[in-house]
Amino acid sequence: MGGLSGCAGTREVRVAQPGDRVGVHFVCRTAEGEIASSTYKSVADDHSLKKASRFLPANSDDPLVLVAGKEEGQQSGAARAIGYEGAIARVLGGEIVGMEEGSRHTVDVSWNREEKSGGTISMARVRVRPREMRMTPEEFTKGTGKKAEMDVPFVVDPAVPGKVTAVSAEEVVVTFAPAGPSVTTPFGSALVREEGDHYALELQVAPGQLVRSGALVGRITDVNERTFLVDYRDPLGGEPLQCDLTILSVEKGNTQLGKERN
């Protein structure tokens, strides 16, 4: 009878093995304590939490699924640019082997490897944006999916939003205006100058500054009057993170459970 003790209701503790599919949630912070990335939508919605400039909100609270022992997004052949969140997932994928379902861990994430993600890109410091655009009503509707009416928004660059200011049977006029003398861009703040029929946005960038463009994060390495250079070779911008990781689920991958059971 003693052999039956503890069998009923006992659930096998699942431990992540290479090849297993592991559902995780994480919150990653910079050395200053700012949140740089998270899989929780609630983190993005909590305005009391300080976010790093490169933080990108999650669209939902769905967990991220990683393959244990596999660095997600690993490329063969020539290196390609790996996004910021992709780099975090890639490192975590190699760290979760041996972690139990339901456990929590603190993991240091950095890109300490010889492989480089992307390259360096030279960009213009001054961006030109029109003060006015003119188009036919058909062109407006095709581009926006909306009927051309007064005050309908038309946004090409969020830093200089536009709206419809005149409508006729032949033409739609869109007028653009920045929010103020200084605006926010993906590369930081920019000073706005009015120059004839356009605005000139002069980016206020400096060496060492981290910037985000879409999925990519890079570090500015050189600045002159006309251009600045962004280094994307380290997808984390050369800044290590500390990630609070929760293992939500472990599903067997290539291993065959029950094969040896009678």
Protein backbone atom coordinates (compact mmCIF):
# COMPACT_ATOMS: atom_id res chain seq x y z
CA MET A 1 0.00 0.00 0.00
CA GLY A 2 2.92 2.29 0.68
CA GLY A 3 3.75 2.27 -3.05
CA LEU A 4 0.53 4.15 -3.82
CA SER A 5 1.33 7.03 -1.51
CA GLY A 6 1.55 10.40 -3.24
CA CYS A 7 0.44 9.17 -6.69
CA ALA A 8 -3.07 10.61 -6.80
CA GLY A 9 -3.21 14.25 -7.82
CA THR A 10 0.54 14.57 -8.27
CA ARG A 11 1.50 16.68 -11.29
CA GLU A 12 4.83 16.25 -13.00
CA VAL A 13 7.01 19.31 -12.67
CA ARG A 14 8.01 20.25 -16.19
CA VAL A 15 11.56 21.39 -16.70
CA ALA A 16 12.59 23.05 -19.94
CA GLN A 17 14.85 20.82 -22.01
CA PRO A 18 16.49 21.64 -25.36
CA GLY A 19 13.83 21.71 -28.06
CA ASP A 20 10.90 22.37 -25.70
CA ARG A 21 8.49 25.22 -26.43
CA VAL A 22 8.43 27.52 -23.42
CA GLY A 23 5.92 30.30 -22.80
CA VAL A 24 7.48 33.22 -20.93
CA HIS A 25 6.78 36.72 -19.72
CA PHE A 26 9.51 39.21 -18.93
CA VAL A 27 10.27 42.74 -17.85
CA CYS A 28 13.73 44.02 -18.76
CA ARG A 29 15.28 47.06 -17.11
CA THR A 30 18.32 49.23 -17.75
CA ALA A 31 21.03 49.81 -15.14
CA GLU A 32 19.11 52.99 -14.19
CA GLY A 33 15.94 50.98 -13.51
CA GLU A 34 13.99 52.16 -16.56
CA ILE A 35 11.89 49.53 -18.33
CA ALA A 36 13.38 48.89 -21.77
CA SER A 37 11.17 45.99 -22.89
CA SER A 38 8.29 43.88 -21.61
CA THR A 39 5.85 41.27 -22.86
CA TYR A 40 3.10 42.67 -20.59
CA LYS A 41 0.66 45.14 -22.13
CA SER A 42 -0.21 46.23 -18.58
CA VAL A 43 3.33 47.56 -18.18
CA ALA A 44 2.84 49.85 -21.16
CA ASP A 45 -0.50 51.02 -19.79
CA ASP A 46 0.94 51.85 -16.34
CA HIS A 47 2.15 55.42 -16.67
CA SER A 48 3.67 55.36 -13.19
CA LEU A 49 6.41 53.05 -14.47
CA LYS A 50 9.37 54.86 -15.98
CA LYS A 51 10.18 53.67 -19.52
CA ALA A 52 13.42 53.97 -21.46
CA SER A 53 13.28 55.95 -24.70
CA ARG A 54 13.57 52.73 -26.73
CA PHE A 55 10.64 51.02 -24.97
CA LEU A 56 8.05 49.68 -27.41
CA PRO A 57 4.62 48.74 -25.94
CA ALA A 58 3.35 45.18 -26.25
CA ASN A 59 0.07 44.87 -28.15
CA SER A 60 -1.36 42.22 -25.80
CA ASP A 61 -0.59 40.20 -22.67
CA ASP A 62 0.09 37.04 -24.68
CA PRO A 63 3.29 35.31 -23.53
CA LEU A 64 6.31 34.98 -25.77
CA VAL A 65 7.02 31.40 -26.89
CA LEU A 66 10.70 30.42 -27.08
CA VAL A 67 12.42 27.18 -28.04
CA ALA A 68 14.65 26.18 -25.13
CA GLY A 69 18.30 25.97 -26.02
CA LYS A 70 17.78 27.72 -29.33
CA GLU A 71 18.74 31.33 -29.74
CA GLU A 72 15.67 32.74 -31.45
CA GLY A 73 16.29 34.49 -34.74
CA GLN A 74 19.71 32.90 -35.22
CA GLN A 75 20.93 33.55 -38.72
CA SER A 76 23.27 31.55 -40.90
CA GLY A 77 25.59 33.08 -43.45
CA ALA A 78 25.87 36.86 -43.61
CA ALA A 79 24.71 38.67 -40.49
CA ARG A 80 21.43 40.54 -40.73
CA ALA A 81 20.01 43.24 -38.50
CA ILE A 82 18.23 41.76 -35.48
CA GLY A 83 15.54 43.85 -33.81
CA TYR A 84 15.80 44.96 -30.18
CA GLU A 85 13.11 42.61 -28.86
CA GLY A 86 14.41 39.88 -31.16
CA ALA A 87 17.85 40.17 -29.58
CA ILE A 88 16.39 39.87 -26.07
CA ALA A 89 14.38 36.79 -27.12
CA ARG A 90 17.43 35.30 -28.76
CA VAL A 91 19.52 35.54 -25.58
CA LEU A 92 16.70 34.30 -23.32
CA GLY A 93 16.10 31.29 -25.58
CA GLY A 94 19.59 30.10 -24.73
CA GLU A 95 19.11 30.70 -20.99
CA ILE A 96 15.86 28.89 -20.18
CA VAL A 97 17.14 25.29 -20.36
CA GLY A 98 16.70 23.73 -16.91
CA MET A 99 14.10 26.23 -15.71
CA GLU A 100 10.90 24.83 -14.17
CA GLU A 101 7.38 25.68 -15.22
CA GLY A 102 6.00 28.31 -12.83
CA SER A 103 9.43 29.49 -11.70
CA ARG A 104 10.82 33.01 -11.78
CA HIS A 105 14.34 34.10 -12.54
CA THR A 106 16.50 37.16 -12.99
CA VAL A 107 18.62 36.96 -16.14
CA ASP A 108 21.36 39.33 -17.29
CA VAL A 109 21.03 40.01 -21.03
CA SER A 110 23.82 41.42 -23.17
CA TRP A 111 25.24 40.91 -26.65
CA ASN A 112 28.70 39.66 -25.68
CA ARG A 113 29.54 37.79 -28.84
CA GLU A 114 31.70 38.15 -31.92
CA GLU A 115 28.74 38.05 -34.31
CA LYS A 116 27.45 41.46 -35.33
CA SER A 117 23.80 42.13 -36.09
CA GLY A 118 23.89 44.89 -38.70
CA GLY A 119 26.10 47.74 -39.82
CA THR A 120 26.48 51.48 -39.51
CA ILE A 121 24.24 54.02 -41.26
CA SER A 122 24.87 57.69 -41.95
CA MET A 123 21.76 59.87 -41.64
CA ALA A 124 20.93 63.49 -42.31
CA ARG A 125 20.60 65.75 -39.27
CA VAL A 126 18.00 67.98 -40.98
CA ARG A 127 14.68 66.52 -42.15
CA VAL A 128 12.50 68.53 -44.55
CA ARG A 129 8.70 68.44 -44.19
CA PRO A 130 6.21 70.34 -46.43
CA ARG A 131 3.95 73.04 -45.05
CA GLU A 132 1.23 72.14 -47.56
CA MET A 133 0.21 69.33 -49.91
CA ARG A 134 -2.33 69.41 -52.74
CA MET A 135 -4.04 66.39 -54.30
CA THR A 136 -7.30 65.31 -55.93
CA PRO A 137 -10.16 64.02 -53.75
CA GLU A 138 -9.62 60.59 -55.32
CA GLU A 139 -5.93 60.59 -54.35
CA PHE A 140 -6.80 61.61 -50.80
CA THR A 141 -9.37 58.82 -50.41
CA LYS A 142 -7.04 56.23 -51.94
CA GLY A 143 -4.23 57.20 -49.59
CA THR A 144 -6.28 57.48 -46.38
CA GLY A 145 -9.40 55.40 -46.92
CA LYS A 146 -11.42 58.45 -45.85
CA LYS A 147 -13.58 60.98 -47.62
CA ALA A 148 -11.93 64.38 -48.00
CA GLU A 149 -13.64 66.72 -45.54
CA MET A 150 -12.55 69.75 -43.56
CA ASP A 151 -10.29 69.04 -40.56
CA VAL A 152 -9.79 65.35 -41.41
CA PRO A 153 -6.29 64.36 -40.14
CA PHE A 154 -3.56 63.53 -42.65
CA VAL A 155 -0.32 62.39 -41.03
CA VAL A 156 2.91 61.71 -42.90
CA ASP A 157 5.20 62.45 -39.94
CA PRO A 158 3.72 62.48 -36.39
CA ALA A 159 6.14 65.29 -35.51
CA VAL A 160 4.43 67.54 -38.09
CA PRO A 161 0.79 66.41 -38.32
CA GLY A 162 -1.54 67.71 -41.00
CA LYS A 163 -5.24 68.15 -41.63
CA VAL A 164 -7.51 69.09 -44.50
CA THR A 165 -7.93 72.87 -44.71
CA ALA A 166 -9.68 73.22 -48.09
CA VAL A 167 -11.83 70.91 -50.24
CA SER A 168 -13.27 71.36 -53.72
CA ALA A 169 -14.44 69.03 -56.47
CA GLU A 170 -10.97 69.20 -58.05
CA GLU A 171 -8.55 69.62 -55.14
CA VAL A 172 -7.85 68.85 -51.49
CA VAL A 173 -5.42 71.05 -49.55
CA VAL A 174 -3.64 69.58 -46.52
CA THR A 175 -1.81 71.95 -44.18
CA PHE A 176 0.91 70.72 -41.82
CA ALA A 177 1.99 72.30 -38.54
CA PRO A 178 4.40 71.14 -35.80
CA ALA A 179 3.24 71.14 -32.18
CA GLY A 180 5.85 73.75 -31.26
CA PRO A 181 9.39 75.00 -31.81
CA SER A 182 10.71 71.63 -30.62
CA VAL A 183 9.22 68.24 -31.54
CA THR A 184 9.88 64.61 -30.64
CA THR A 185 11.18 62.19 -33.25
CA PRO A 186 12.43 58.56 -33.14
CA PHE A 187 15.93 60.08 -32.92
CA GLY A 188 15.15 62.40 -30.02
CA SER A 189 14.14 66.04 -30.03
CA ALA A 190 14.37 68.29 -33.08
CA LEU A 191 14.31 72.07 -33.44
CA VAL A 192 11.82 73.33 -36.02
CA ARG A 193 12.60 76.13 -38.48
CA GLU A 194 10.17 77.63 -40.99
CA GLU A 195 11.87 77.91 -44.38
CA GLY A 196 9.60 79.11 -47.18
CA ASP A 197 7.29 76.30 -48.29
CA HIS A 198 8.66 73.75 -45.82
CA TYR A 199 9.77 73.08 -42.26
CA ALA A 200 13.33 72.05 -41.43
CA LEU A 201 13.64 69.69 -38.46
CA GLU A 202 17.16 69.79 -37.03
CA LEU A 203 17.79 66.68 -34.91
CA GLN A 204 19.49 67.35 -31.57
CA VAL A 205 21.74 64.29 -31.51
CA ALA A 206 24.99 63.56 -29.69
CA PRO A 207 27.61 60.79 -29.67
CA GLY A 208 26.70 57.95 -27.31
CA GLN A 209 22.95 58.53 -27.62
CA LEU A 210 20.74 55.45 -28.12
CA VAL A 211 18.10 55.82 -30.82
CA ARG A 212 15.30 53.64 -32.10
CA SER A 213 14.06 53.26 -35.68
CA GLY A 214 11.28 50.69 -36.04
CA ALA A 215 12.50 47.42 -34.53
CA LEU A 216 16.14 48.52 -34.50
CA VAL A 217 18.06 50.22 -31.71
CA GLY A 218 21.47 51.71 -32.37
CA ARG A 219 24.05 53.98 -30.79
CA ILE A 220 25.16 57.28 -32.32
CA THR A 221 28.93 57.25 -32.74
CA ASP A 222 29.67 60.43 -34.70
CA VAL A 223 27.92 63.77 -35.32
CA ASN A 224 28.77 66.69 -37.61
CA GLU A 225 26.82 69.67 -38.95
CA ARG A 226 25.09 67.72 -41.72
CA THR A 227 25.00 64.04 -40.72
CA PHE A 228 25.26 61.58 -37.85
CA LEU A 229 26.37 57.95 -37.78
CA VAL A 230 24.35 55.18 -36.07
CA ASP A 231 25.97 51.86 -35.18
CA TYR A 232 23.47 48.96 -35.32
CA ARG A 233 26.03 46.17 -34.93
CA ASP A 234 25.03 45.54 -31.31
CA PRO A 235 21.21 45.16 -31.39
CA LEU A 236 21.00 46.17 -27.72
CA GLY A 237 22.99 49.33 -28.35
CA GLY A 238 25.84 48.09 -26.15
CA GLU A 239 23.73 48.41 -23.01
CA PRO A 240 23.15 45.30 -20.83
CA LEU A 241 19.73 44.62 -19.34
CA GLN A 242 18.43 42.78 -16.29
CA CYS A 243 15.29 40.79 -17.07
CA ASP A 244 12.76 39.41 -14.59
CA LEU A 245 11.61 36.21 -16.31
CA THR A 246 8.57 34.03 -15.53
CA ILE A 247 8.27 30.52 -17.00
CA LEU A 248 4.54 30.09 -17.67
CA SER A 249 4.46 26.82 -19.61
CA VAL A 250 6.72 24.07 -20.92
CA GLU A 251 5.61 21.91 -23.84
CA LYS A 252 7.71 19.05 -25.09
CA GLY A 253 9.27 19.62 -28.44
CA ASN A 254 11.29 16.91 -30.15
CA THR A 255 11.29 14.56 -27.14
CA GLN A 256 8.55 11.88 -27.10
CA LEU A 257 6.85 11.70 -23.69
CA GLY A 258 5.45 8.35 -22.69
CA LYS A 259 7.44 6.34 -25.25
CA GLU A 260 9.02 4.17 -22.54
CA ARG A 261 5.91 3.84 -20.38
CA ASN A 262 4.05 0.52 -20.19
